[in-house]
Amino acid sequence: MPSAYILANVDVTDVDQYENYKKLSTVAMQEHSAEVCVRGGSVHVLEGDWSPSRIVLLKFSSVQQARAFYDSVEYQAAKAAREGFAVMRMTLVEGV
């Protein structure tokens, strides 16, 4: 079964309030066995006009596991805590 990745580009508008989202999303990641590949860190654009400010890359054992994470009660609480404090762009990608 192929692995799956959730790739997010986050524009944080309130760093202090975003910390609560990070705590809650960490609980959801742990609960759903997400492997954190990237969470923040410096970004260096190599090609194109994409200018991400904060990248998060999570690995899951399957698309179903990634969806279970995203749809979970734990992650829904994190999303609610993030509202108004960050703009999230997130995609689920099937891996190999």
Protein backbone atom coordinates (compact mmCIF):
# COMPACT_ATOMS: atom_id res chain seq x y z
CA MET A 1 0.00 0.00 0.00
CA PRO A 2 1.47 3.40 -0.94
CA SER A 3 2.31 5.94 1.72
CA ALA A 4 0.64 9.34 1.82
CA TYR A 5 1.81 12.83 2.61
CA ILE A 6 0.08 15.95 3.84
CA LEU A 7 1.89 19.03 2.57
CA ALA A 8 0.94 22.37 4.08
CA ASN A 9 1.99 25.93 3.40
CA VAL A 10 1.08 28.16 6.34
CA ASP A 11 1.06 31.94 6.54
CA VAL A 12 1.05 32.70 10.27
CA THR A 13 -0.56 36.02 11.12
CA ASP A 14 -0.32 35.80 14.93
CA VAL A 15 2.72 33.86 16.17
CA ASP A 16 1.61 33.76 19.82
CA GLN A 17 -1.86 32.40 19.05
CA TYR A 18 -0.41 29.94 16.52
CA GLU A 19 1.46 28.21 19.36
CA ASN A 20 -1.86 26.81 20.64
CA TYR A 21 -2.58 25.34 17.20
CA LYS A 22 0.87 23.74 17.18
CA LYS A 23 0.23 22.08 20.56
CA LEU A 24 -3.17 20.76 19.50
CA SER A 25 -1.99 19.62 16.07
CA THR A 26 0.91 17.78 17.71
CA VAL A 27 -1.58 15.78 19.76
CA ALA A 28 -3.45 14.89 16.56
CA MET A 29 -0.22 13.90 14.80
CA GLN A 30 0.79 11.64 17.68
CA GLU A 31 -2.68 10.11 17.90
CA HIS A 32 -2.65 9.27 14.18
CA SER A 33 0.97 8.15 13.82
CA ALA A 34 2.08 10.99 11.58
CA GLU A 35 5.78 11.06 10.81
CA VAL A 36 6.87 14.68 10.86
CA CYS A 37 9.28 15.18 7.96
CA VAL A 38 9.26 18.99 7.94
CA ARG A 39 7.75 21.43 10.42
CA GLY A 40 8.93 24.96 9.86
CA GLY A 41 12.56 25.65 9.16
CA SER A 42 14.07 27.86 6.52
CA VAL A 43 12.72 27.68 2.98
CA HIS A 44 14.83 28.19 -0.15
CA VAL A 45 12.88 28.48 -3.40
CA LEU A 46 14.86 26.87 -6.19
CA GLU A 47 12.49 27.49 -9.11
CA GLY A 48 9.25 29.28 -9.85
CA ASP A 49 7.35 32.04 -8.15
CA TRP A 50 6.13 30.10 -5.10
CA SER A 51 7.10 31.91 -1.89
CA PRO A 52 6.05 29.73 1.03
CA SER A 53 6.65 31.09 4.50
CA ARG A 54 6.17 27.94 6.62
CA ILE A 55 6.13 24.39 5.25
CA VAL A 56 4.87 21.30 7.04
CA LEU A 57 5.24 17.80 5.57
CA LEU A 58 3.69 14.82 7.33
CA LYS A 59 4.02 11.19 6.25
CA PHE A 60 1.35 8.55 6.84
CA SER A 61 1.24 4.86 6.02
CA SER A 62 -1.80 5.30 3.77
CA VAL A 63 -4.23 7.83 2.32
CA GLN A 64 -6.85 6.47 4.72
CA GLN A 65 -4.61 7.14 7.72
CA ALA A 66 -3.93 10.70 6.50
CA ARG A 67 -7.67 11.32 6.06
CA ALA A 68 -8.35 9.89 9.51
CA PHE A 69 -5.85 12.39 10.93
CA TYR A 70 -7.37 15.32 9.04
CA ASP A 71 -10.96 14.37 9.91
CA SER A 72 -10.21 13.52 13.55
CA VAL A 73 -11.72 15.27 16.53
CA GLU A 74 -8.19 16.14 17.64
CA TYR A 75 -7.29 17.89 14.40
CA GLN A 76 -10.65 19.64 14.17
CA ALA A 77 -9.88 21.20 17.57
CA ALA A 78 -6.51 22.34 16.23
CA LYS A 79 -8.16 23.85 13.14
CA ALA A 80 -10.60 25.78 15.31
CA ALA A 81 -7.70 27.13 17.41
CA ARG A 82 -5.87 28.26 14.25
CA GLU A 83 -8.83 30.15 12.79
CA GLY A 84 -8.04 33.84 12.37
CA PHE A 85 -4.37 33.36 13.25
CA ALA A 86 -3.02 31.64 10.13
CA VAL A 87 -3.90 30.97 6.50
CA MET A 88 -3.50 27.27 5.70
CA ARG A 89 -3.06 25.70 2.29
CA MET A 90 -2.99 21.93 2.61
CA THR A 91 -2.95 19.02 0.21
CA LEU A 92 -2.94 15.24 0.54
CA VAL A 93 -0.60 13.48 -1.88
CA GLU A 94 -0.35 9.74 -2.46
CA GLY A 95 3.26 8.60 -2.31
CA VAL A 96 5.19 5.53 -3.41
